[in-house]
Amino acid sequence: MSFLQQLAATLTSWALLSSVATVPAQQLTTHSIQLTGGKILELSLPPNFTINVAIEGLHRVRFMAMSPDNRIFVTDMHDLSDNTLGAVYILNGWNKTTGTFAKITPYLKHLRNPNNIAFYSEAAHDGHPAQSWLYLPLTDRLLRYRYNAGDNAPSSPPEVLAHYPDYGLNYKYGGWHLTRTVAFATLHGKTRLYVTVGSSCNACQEKEDVRATLTVMDPDGSHQAIVARGLRNAVGMEFIPSIDNGALFATNMGADHLGNHAPEDTFFELDSSTRPITAGANYGWPTCYFEGGVPHEDQLISNPKATDKVVPAPPAGPAPAQFDCGKIPPAYTTFAAHSSPLGLKYFASDNAALANTFLVALHGASHVEIGTGYRVVRFTPADHKPQDFITGFLVNGKVKGRPCGILRTGPDAFLLTDDLDGAIYYIHAK
């Protein structure tokens, strides 16, 4: 069987397994959560799990990471604007009995839209001592700071590893997607840093080569290369050593001009030891989209005269390059249109309620009336079928919260950020 035949077979099988519409869990139990100020959320979870507020008082709290000395760091983008008010905080004083943190310690402030962070530790080599690093992607550049155990602030200025398009929300093309995401993965005999950069528009021929791509580089920023294109907005990314001998996964958002029910948002296995990324990999944007778990050609982009629907005008310049949608790597699973998948986490532990389970935070449709997302879903590598795990963030057309980042803290325990309420929840098995 040829490579293309194998790819087609895999795509078909995954498409049959995946579920576009979120499948409700058989039973969820409602928990009443009260925030400071009196706001109450009625969040529903499986009956063998419970939830409480671990800490609040943050702003647009995003993603979390565990440092080499086992402290939890979290990013905060402050608000929805293109600003320099973002911060990185340390969550201190964990109380396992109450499931709460005692305080928040600022580590870095005055940052431009910090979305996530990653840590990397290198062994002593060539006369250099062992060193840990904190990697911080901002809208316009990628930084790394030397990290020492117990640090409450960087001990030295950052190194600049890469520069990214510097415009924000008011850019004439639309200025979309201010976030960049980083993740380390050990694949093909090397540990390297992967970076995603979102598109500048809904559907256009990009002016900057790095837009809508996946880039890889060595930990020191050397040997940078674009390894995949066509990822419109891959905000969540995670390396999972226990799947396919090591696999890098990402969530990705579809375009916004095909109505309320298309395209599906996607979840991809970008690179792995078993399914290595192919040369020139392309995930289709802007000329292809997913529906029914499989890719389709976007006629509104490739052939606008074939329909009477109106497409938002792309920026001046050449039309989007055509691409064979049959060459797109298969989606691992898909989510309902405009669900906006962000953070993901995999639980590999045996003999646990969450064993062999993916959790994905669906941030929710930007137009509330669409109603998709606003929940946390679960699925397994065996079934690829998202099911509700936490609901209650959207009630009767009113947004109560927006789930974002997930950090595993135990076999059946995790933290979940809510970037609408500036809160972090602790969820664990009873």
Protein backbone atom coordinates (compact mmCIF):
# COMPACT_ATOMS: atom_id res chain seq x y z
CA MET A 1 0.00 0.00 0.00
CA SER A 2 1.37 3.41 -0.98
CA PHE A 3 1.81 6.27 1.47
CA LEU A 4 -1.20 8.12 0.01
CA GLN A 5 -3.35 4.98 0.29
CA GLN A 6 -2.28 4.50 3.90
CA LEU A 7 -3.04 8.14 4.61
CA ALA A 8 -6.48 7.84 3.02
CA ALA A 9 -7.26 4.72 5.04
CA THR A 10 -6.18 6.36 8.27
CA LEU A 11 -8.17 9.50 7.50
CA THR A 12 -11.31 7.46 6.79
CA SER A 13 -11.00 5.40 9.97
CA TRP A 14 -10.36 8.44 12.15
CA ALA A 15 -13.25 10.30 10.52
CA LEU A 16 -15.60 7.43 11.36
CA LEU A 17 -14.39 7.42 14.96
CA SER A 18 -14.53 11.17 15.49
CA SER A 19 -17.70 12.91 16.58
CA VAL A 20 -18.49 16.42 15.41
CA ALA A 21 -21.19 17.17 17.93
CA THR A 22 -20.12 16.76 21.53
CA VAL A 23 -21.68 13.62 23.01
CA PRO A 24 -23.26 14.29 26.42
CA ALA A 25 -21.99 12.13 29.24
CA GLN A 26 -24.51 9.69 30.67
CA GLN A 27 -24.72 11.55 33.95
CA LEU A 28 -23.27 14.78 35.31
CA THR A 29 -23.63 16.13 38.82
CA THR A 30 -24.01 19.87 39.41
CA HIS A 31 -21.77 21.75 41.84
CA SER A 32 -22.48 25.31 42.97
CA ILE A 33 -19.34 27.47 42.77
CA GLN A 34 -19.37 30.95 44.32
CA LEU A 35 -16.76 33.51 43.36
CA THR A 36 -15.74 36.63 45.24
CA GLY A 37 -18.28 39.31 44.48
CA GLY A 38 -21.18 36.90 44.65
CA LYS A 39 -21.10 35.39 41.15
CA ILE A 40 -22.32 31.79 41.16
CA LEU A 41 -21.55 29.12 38.57
CA GLU A 42 -23.45 25.83 38.43
CA LEU A 43 -20.83 23.50 36.94
CA SER A 44 -21.69 19.89 36.15
CA LEU A 45 -19.14 17.05 36.25
CA PRO A 46 -19.18 13.23 36.32
CA PRO A 47 -20.52 12.08 39.73
CA ASN A 48 -17.17 10.68 40.88
CA PHE A 49 -15.48 14.10 40.53
CA THR A 50 -15.69 17.32 42.52
CA ILE A 51 -14.61 20.91 41.90
CA ASN A 52 -13.66 23.98 43.90
CA VAL A 53 -12.05 27.40 43.35
CA ALA A 54 -8.30 27.00 43.84
CA ILE A 55 -7.59 30.73 43.53
CA GLU A 56 -9.15 33.82 41.95
CA GLY A 57 -8.39 37.51 41.52
CA LEU A 58 -6.48 37.09 38.25
CA HIS A 59 -7.47 38.69 34.94
CA ARG A 60 -7.35 36.83 31.61
CA VAL A 61 -5.57 33.81 33.08
CA ARG A 62 -4.40 31.39 30.39
CA PHE A 63 -1.97 28.46 30.60
CA MET A 64 -0.01 26.80 33.39
CA ALA A 65 3.31 24.95 33.57
CA MET A 66 5.24 23.10 36.27
CA SER A 67 8.75 24.42 36.89
CA PRO A 68 11.79 22.15 37.42
CA ASP A 69 11.45 22.75 41.19
CA ASN A 70 7.76 21.77 41.10
CA ARG A 71 6.14 25.17 41.34
CA ILE A 72 3.16 26.15 39.22
CA PHE A 73 3.56 29.13 36.88
CA VAL A 74 0.61 30.69 35.06
CA THR A 75 0.25 33.31 32.33
CA ASP A 76 -2.24 36.19 32.36
CA MET A 77 -3.00 38.24 29.23
CA HIS A 78 -4.93 40.82 31.30
CA ASP A 79 -7.74 41.48 28.78
CA LEU A 80 -8.82 41.03 25.16
CA SER A 81 -6.94 44.03 23.82
CA ASP A 82 -3.47 44.11 22.31
CA ASN A 83 -1.73 45.26 25.47
CA THR A 84 1.50 45.15 27.47
CA LEU A 85 -0.26 44.49 30.77
CA GLY A 86 0.25 40.74 30.72
CA ALA A 87 2.04 38.87 33.50
CA VAL A 88 3.49 35.56 34.64
CA TYR A 89 2.59 34.52 38.18
CA ILE A 90 3.68 31.79 40.58
CA LEU A 91 0.94 30.00 42.51
CA ASN A 92 2.17 29.49 46.07
CA GLY A 93 0.99 27.80 49.25
CA TRP A 94 -0.88 24.78 47.93
CA ASN A 95 -3.19 23.18 50.51
CA LYS A 96 -4.05 19.64 49.43
CA THR A 97 -6.83 19.36 52.01
CA THR A 98 -8.74 22.41 50.80
CA GLY A 99 -7.55 22.31 47.18
CA THR A 100 -6.54 25.97 47.31
CA PHE A 101 -3.49 28.19 46.88
CA ALA A 102 -2.57 30.73 49.55
CA LYS A 103 -1.21 33.49 47.34
CA ILE A 104 -0.08 34.66 43.92
CA THR A 105 3.49 35.90 43.41
CA PRO A 106 4.26 38.07 40.34
CA TYR A 107 7.25 36.69 38.41
CA LEU A 108 7.14 38.97 35.33
CA LYS A 109 4.91 41.93 34.49
CA HIS A 110 4.31 44.38 31.62
CA LEU A 111 4.27 41.64 28.97
CA ARG A 112 2.67 41.72 25.54
CA ASN A 113 -0.01 39.04 25.47
CA PRO A 114 1.76 36.09 27.17
CA ASN A 115 -0.23 32.97 26.23
CA ASN A 116 1.81 30.08 27.60
CA ILE A 117 5.23 29.17 28.97
CA ALA A 118 7.52 26.15 28.89
CA PHE A 119 10.51 25.02 30.93
CA TYR A 120 13.58 23.18 29.69
CA SER A 121 16.59 21.86 31.61
CA GLU A 122 19.89 21.04 29.94
CA ALA A 123 22.65 18.93 31.46
CA ALA A 124 26.18 20.20 31.91
CA HIS A 125 28.09 20.11 28.61
CA ASP A 126 31.28 21.48 27.00
CA GLY A 127 32.36 23.09 30.26
CA HIS A 128 28.97 24.75 30.82
CA PRO A 129 27.07 23.95 34.03
CA ALA A 130 23.57 22.49 34.04
CA GLN A 131 20.97 25.17 33.42
CA SER A 132 17.19 25.47 33.37
CA TRP A 133 15.28 27.94 31.20
CA LEU A 134 11.85 29.51 31.11
CA TYR A 135 10.51 30.09 27.56
CA LEU A 136 7.96 32.84 27.05
CA PRO A 137 6.28 33.53 23.67
CA LEU A 138 4.89 37.05 23.27
CA THR A 139 3.09 38.59 20.32
CA ASP A 140 6.25 40.03 18.78
CA ARG A 141 9.06 37.80 20.03
CA LEU A 142 10.11 34.59 21.75
CA LEU A 143 12.14 35.01 24.93
CA ARG A 144 13.96 32.67 27.26
CA TYR A 145 15.09 33.44 30.80
CA ARG A 146 17.62 31.60 32.93
CA TYR A 147 15.71 29.83 35.70
CA ASN A 148 17.07 28.90 39.10
CA ALA A 149 15.20 26.91 41.73
CA GLY A 150 13.27 29.21 44.04
CA ASP A 151 13.44 32.26 41.76
CA ASN A 152 10.63 34.78 42.30
CA ALA A 153 11.92 36.93 39.43
CA PRO A 154 14.40 36.43 36.58
CA SER A 155 18.02 36.75 37.66
CA SER A 156 19.21 38.11 34.29
CA PRO A 157 17.85 39.73 31.12
CA PRO A 158 16.17 37.46 28.57
CA GLU A 159 17.60 36.08 25.38
CA VAL A 160 15.56 36.82 22.25
CA LEU A 161 15.24 33.64 20.18
CA ALA A 162 12.83 34.78 17.44
CA HIS A 163 10.82 37.74 16.23
CA TYR A 164 7.20 37.57 15.07
CA PRO A 165 4.82 39.93 13.25
CA ASP A 166 4.50 43.00 15.43
CA TYR A 167 1.05 44.30 14.60
CA GLY A 168 -2.02 43.73 16.70
CA LEU A 169 -5.78 43.97 16.53
CA ASN A 170 -5.91 47.26 14.64
CA TYR A 171 -3.76 46.13 11.70
CA LYS A 172 -5.38 46.91 8.34
CA TYR A 173 -5.71 43.20 7.42
CA GLY A 174 -7.73 42.48 10.54
CA GLY A 175 -4.79 41.81 12.83
CA TRP A 176 -5.98 38.50 14.20
CA HIS A 177 -4.34 36.06 16.57
CA LEU A 178 -2.02 37.77 19.00
CA THR A 179 -0.89 34.59 20.76
CA ARG A 180 2.04 32.28 20.10
CA THR A 181 2.40 28.85 21.73
CA VAL A 182 5.50 26.82 22.62
CA ALA A 183 6.07 23.19 23.59
CA PHE A 184 9.13 20.98 23.90
CA ALA A 185 9.09 17.53 22.32
CA THR A 186 11.67 14.77 22.19
CA LEU A 187 11.22 13.24 18.74
CA HIS A 188 13.47 11.66 16.13
CA GLY A 189 16.39 11.55 18.55
CA LYS A 190 16.31 15.24 19.53
CA THR A 191 14.62 17.52 22.04
CA ARG A 192 13.46 20.62 20.20
CA LEU A 193 11.14 23.55 20.71
CA TYR A 194 7.97 23.74 18.61
CA VAL A 195 6.20 27.09 18.10
CA THR A 196 2.81 27.85 16.56
CA VAL A 197 1.92 31.29 15.17
CA GLY A 198 -1.68 32.02 14.15
CA SER A 199 -2.91 33.66 10.96
CA SER A 200 -3.32 37.41 10.52
CA CYS A 201 -6.77 37.09 8.98
CA ASN A 202 -9.78 34.88 8.52
CA ALA A 203 -8.80 33.74 5.01
CA CYS A 204 -6.06 35.34 2.94
CA GLN A 205 -2.66 34.90 1.32
CA GLU A 206 -0.33 35.73 4.19
CA LYS A 207 2.33 38.41 3.82
CA GLU A 208 4.58 36.99 6.55
CA ASP A 209 5.97 33.52 5.98
CA VAL A 210 5.68 32.49 9.62
CA ARG A 211 1.93 33.06 9.87
CA ALA A 212 -0.35 30.01 10.29
CA THR A 213 2.64 27.70 10.76
CA LEU A 214 4.41 25.27 13.03
CA THR A 215 8.10 26.09 13.51
CA VAL A 216 10.79 23.98 15.13
CA MET A 217 14.17 25.03 16.59
CA ASP A 218 16.90 23.85 18.92
CA PRO A 219 16.54 24.93 22.57
CA ASP A 220 19.00 27.80 22.02
CA GLY A 221 16.97 29.12 19.08
CA SER A 222 19.29 27.81 16.37
CA HIS A 223 18.27 25.82 13.28
CA GLN A 224 14.82 27.37 13.01
CA ALA A 225 12.62 25.91 10.30
CA ILE A 226 8.95 25.95 9.34
CA VAL A 227 7.79 22.32 9.28
CA ALA A 228 4.03 22.73 8.68
CA ARG A 229 1.64 25.31 7.26
CA GLY A 230 -2.10 25.78 7.09
CA LEU A 231 -2.74 25.87 10.86
CA ARG A 232 -5.05 28.86 11.19
CA ASN A 233 -4.85 29.21 14.97
CA ALA A 234 -3.26 26.36 16.93
CA VAL A 235 -3.29 27.74 20.47
CA GLY A 236 -2.96 24.56 22.54
CA MET A 237 0.02 22.22 22.06
CA GLU A 238 1.28 19.30 24.14
CA PHE A 239 3.93 16.56 23.85
CA ILE A 240 2.71 13.17 25.11
CA PRO A 241 5.51 10.59 25.54
CA SER A 242 3.15 7.62 26.05
CA ILE A 243 1.34 7.82 22.68
CA ASP A 244 2.95 6.55 19.46
CA ASN A 245 6.36 6.41 21.19
CA GLY A 246 6.11 10.16 21.73
CA ALA A 247 3.61 12.44 19.98
CA LEU A 248 3.01 16.17 19.66
CA PHE A 249 -0.68 17.18 19.59
CA ALA A 250 -2.37 20.53 18.97
CA THR A 251 -5.82 22.07 18.97
CA ASN A 252 -6.71 24.28 16.01
CA MET A 253 -9.53 26.68 15.11
CA GLY A 254 -11.32 26.82 11.77
CA ALA A 255 -12.30 29.93 9.79
CA ASP A 256 -15.33 32.11 10.50
CA HIS A 257 -17.01 32.74 7.14
CA LEU A 258 -18.87 29.46 6.53
CA GLY A 259 -21.80 30.04 8.87
CA ASN A 260 -22.66 28.75 12.33
CA HIS A 261 -22.21 25.05 11.58
CA ALA A 262 -18.93 24.91 9.65
CA PRO A 263 -16.05 24.41 9.68
CA GLU A 264 -15.30 22.01 12.50
CA ASP A 265 -12.48 22.86 14.83
CA THR A 266 -9.74 20.26 14.81
CA PHE A 267 -7.31 18.27 16.94
CA PHE A 268 -4.16 17.03 15.20
CA GLU A 269 -1.29 14.67 15.94
CA LEU A 270 1.31 16.96 14.40
CA ASP A 271 4.43 14.83 14.79
CA SER A 272 5.32 11.54 16.45
CA SER A 273 7.79 8.69 16.34
CA THR A 274 5.16 6.43 14.80
CA ARG A 275 3.67 9.05 12.43
CA PRO A 276 6.49 11.51 11.73
CA ILE A 277 5.62 14.84 10.19
CA THR A 278 5.99 14.80 6.41
CA ALA A 279 8.07 17.25 4.44
CA GLY A 280 5.95 20.22 3.44
CA ALA A 281 3.08 19.24 5.73
CA ASN A 282 0.03 21.45 5.22
CA TYR A 283 -3.20 21.44 7.23
CA GLY A 284 -5.19 23.20 4.54
CA TRP A 285 -6.02 26.71 5.69
CA PRO A 286 -7.23 28.83 3.96
CA THR A 287 -8.42 26.74 1.00
CA CYS A 288 -9.67 23.67 2.90
CA TYR A 289 -11.84 23.04 5.95
CA PHE A 290 -13.15 20.06 7.92
CA GLU A 291 -16.76 18.90 7.99
CA GLY A 292 -17.96 15.45 8.98
CA GLY A 293 -14.45 14.70 10.15
CA VAL A 294 -12.93 14.99 6.66
CA PRO A 295 -11.44 17.90 4.67
CA HIS A 296 -13.36 19.76 1.96
CA GLU A 297 -12.39 22.46 -0.50
CA ASP A 298 -13.59 25.91 0.53
CA GLN A 299 -15.44 27.06 -2.58
CA LEU A 300 -15.89 30.54 -1.12
CA ILE A 301 -12.12 30.94 -1.22
CA SER A 302 -11.02 28.85 -4.20
CA ASN A 303 -13.97 29.66 -6.46
CA PRO A 304 -15.98 32.60 -5.09
CA LYS A 305 -18.09 32.88 -8.27
CA ALA A 306 -19.47 29.39 -7.68
CA THR A 307 -21.76 30.65 -4.94
CA ASP A 308 -23.81 33.71 -4.19
CA LYS A 309 -22.58 33.83 -0.61
CA VAL A 310 -20.48 36.80 0.37
CA VAL A 311 -16.94 36.20 1.59
CA PRO A 312 -15.18 38.82 3.71
CA ALA A 313 -12.71 40.51 1.38
CA PRO A 314 -9.12 39.26 1.76
CA PRO A 315 -6.26 41.74 1.91
CA ALA A 316 -4.93 43.22 -1.29
CA GLY A 317 -2.59 40.89 -3.10
CA PRO A 318 -2.74 37.43 -4.67
CA ALA A 319 -5.60 35.08 -3.89
CA PRO A 320 -4.93 32.19 -1.47
CA ALA A 321 -2.79 29.52 -3.09
CA GLN A 322 -4.68 26.40 -4.10
CA PHE A 323 -3.98 23.22 -2.18
CA ASP A 324 -5.07 19.61 -2.68
CA CYS A 325 -7.35 18.98 0.31
CA GLY A 326 -6.77 15.24 -0.05
CA LYS A 327 -3.20 15.76 1.15
CA ILE A 328 -4.17 17.14 4.54
CA PRO A 329 -3.11 14.93 7.47
CA PRO A 330 -6.15 13.33 9.12
CA ALA A 331 -7.71 15.02 12.12
CA TYR A 332 -7.36 12.99 15.31
CA THR A 333 -10.81 14.27 16.21
CA THR A 334 -12.99 17.27 15.47
CA PHE A 335 -15.23 19.54 17.53
CA ALA A 336 -18.40 21.42 16.69
CA ALA A 337 -17.83 24.56 14.63
CA HIS A 338 -16.58 27.60 16.56
CA SER A 339 -16.01 25.62 19.79
CA SER A 340 -12.53 27.25 20.01
CA PRO A 341 -10.44 24.41 21.50
CA LEU A 342 -7.54 25.66 23.62
CA GLY A 343 -5.78 23.70 26.37
CA LEU A 344 -5.33 19.94 26.24
CA LYS A 345 -3.98 17.33 28.60
CA TYR A 346 -3.57 13.56 28.47
CA PHE A 347 -3.89 11.25 31.49
CA ALA A 348 -1.92 8.06 30.90
CA SER A 349 -2.13 6.55 34.40
CA ASP A 350 -3.55 3.06 34.83
CA ASN A 351 -6.23 2.17 37.39
CA ALA A 352 -7.62 5.69 37.48
CA ALA A 353 -10.90 7.23 36.41
CA LEU A 354 -9.14 9.37 33.80
CA ALA A 355 -6.77 6.66 32.55
CA ASN A 356 -6.00 6.92 28.83
CA THR A 357 -8.10 10.07 28.51
CA PHE A 358 -7.63 13.37 26.69
CA LEU A 359 -9.20 16.47 28.20
CA VAL A 360 -9.69 19.53 25.99
CA ALA A 361 -10.95 22.95 27.11
CA LEU A 362 -13.43 24.41 24.60
CA HIS A 363 -13.26 28.17 25.10
CA GLY A 364 -16.54 28.82 23.32
CA ALA A 365 -17.83 30.59 20.22
CA SER A 366 -16.95 34.27 19.94
CA HIS A 367 -20.58 34.88 18.94
CA VAL A 368 -22.48 33.61 21.95
CA GLU A 369 -25.65 32.89 20.02
CA ILE A 370 -23.87 30.03 18.21
CA GLY A 371 -23.63 28.29 21.58
CA THR A 372 -20.85 25.79 20.87
CA GLY A 373 -17.94 25.14 23.22
CA TYR A 374 -17.98 26.61 26.74
CA ARG A 375 -17.12 23.25 28.27
CA VAL A 376 -14.40 20.68 28.90
CA VAL A 377 -14.64 17.45 26.92
CA ARG A 378 -12.96 14.07 27.16
CA PHE A 379 -12.11 11.33 24.66
CA THR A 380 -9.68 8.44 24.36
CA PRO A 381 -7.15 7.36 21.72
CA ALA A 382 -9.40 4.34 21.17
CA ASP A 383 -12.69 6.11 20.42
CA HIS A 384 -11.78 9.70 19.38
CA LYS A 385 -15.31 10.73 20.46
CA PRO A 386 -15.56 13.91 22.57
CA GLN A 387 -17.97 13.67 25.50
CA ASP A 388 -18.95 16.32 27.99
CA PHE A 389 -16.84 16.38 31.14
CA ILE A 390 -17.57 19.85 32.58
CA THR A 391 -20.53 21.97 31.51
CA GLY A 392 -22.26 25.07 32.89
CA PHE A 393 -20.05 27.82 31.48
CA LEU A 394 -22.89 28.88 29.15
CA VAL A 395 -26.44 28.98 30.54
CA ASN A 396 -29.50 30.23 28.65
CA GLY A 397 -27.35 32.26 26.29
CA LYS A 398 -25.35 33.89 29.10
CA VAL A 399 -21.61 33.29 29.40
CA LYS A 400 -20.65 32.33 32.95
CA GLY A 401 -17.03 31.38 32.25
CA ARG A 402 -14.57 30.38 29.52
CA PRO A 403 -12.32 27.35 30.15
CA CYS A 404 -8.80 27.73 28.83
CA GLY A 405 -5.76 25.89 30.25
CA ILE A 406 -5.42 22.48 31.91
CA LEU A 407 -2.59 21.27 34.17
CA ARG A 408 -2.51 17.68 35.41
CA THR A 409 -1.66 17.48 39.12
CA GLY A 410 -2.32 13.78 39.75
CA PRO A 411 -3.78 10.59 38.20
CA ASP A 412 -7.31 11.95 38.59
CA ALA A 413 -6.71 15.62 39.41
CA PHE A 414 -6.11 18.79 37.43
CA LEU A 415 -6.30 22.58 37.49
CA LEU A 416 -8.45 24.47 34.98
CA THR A 417 -8.17 28.17 34.18
CA ASP A 418 -11.19 30.36 33.43
CA ASP A 419 -9.99 33.43 31.56
CA LEU A 420 -13.33 35.23 31.83
CA ASP A 421 -13.56 35.16 35.62
CA GLY A 422 -9.82 35.21 36.34
CA ALA A 423 -10.21 32.04 38.37
CA ILE A 424 -8.49 28.65 38.56
CA TYR A 425 -10.52 25.58 39.52
CA TYR A 426 -9.29 22.35 41.12
CA ILE A 427 -11.01 19.20 39.84
CA HIS A 428 -10.31 15.76 41.27
CA ALA A 429 -11.85 12.34 41.83
CA LYS A 430 -13.65 11.87 45.14
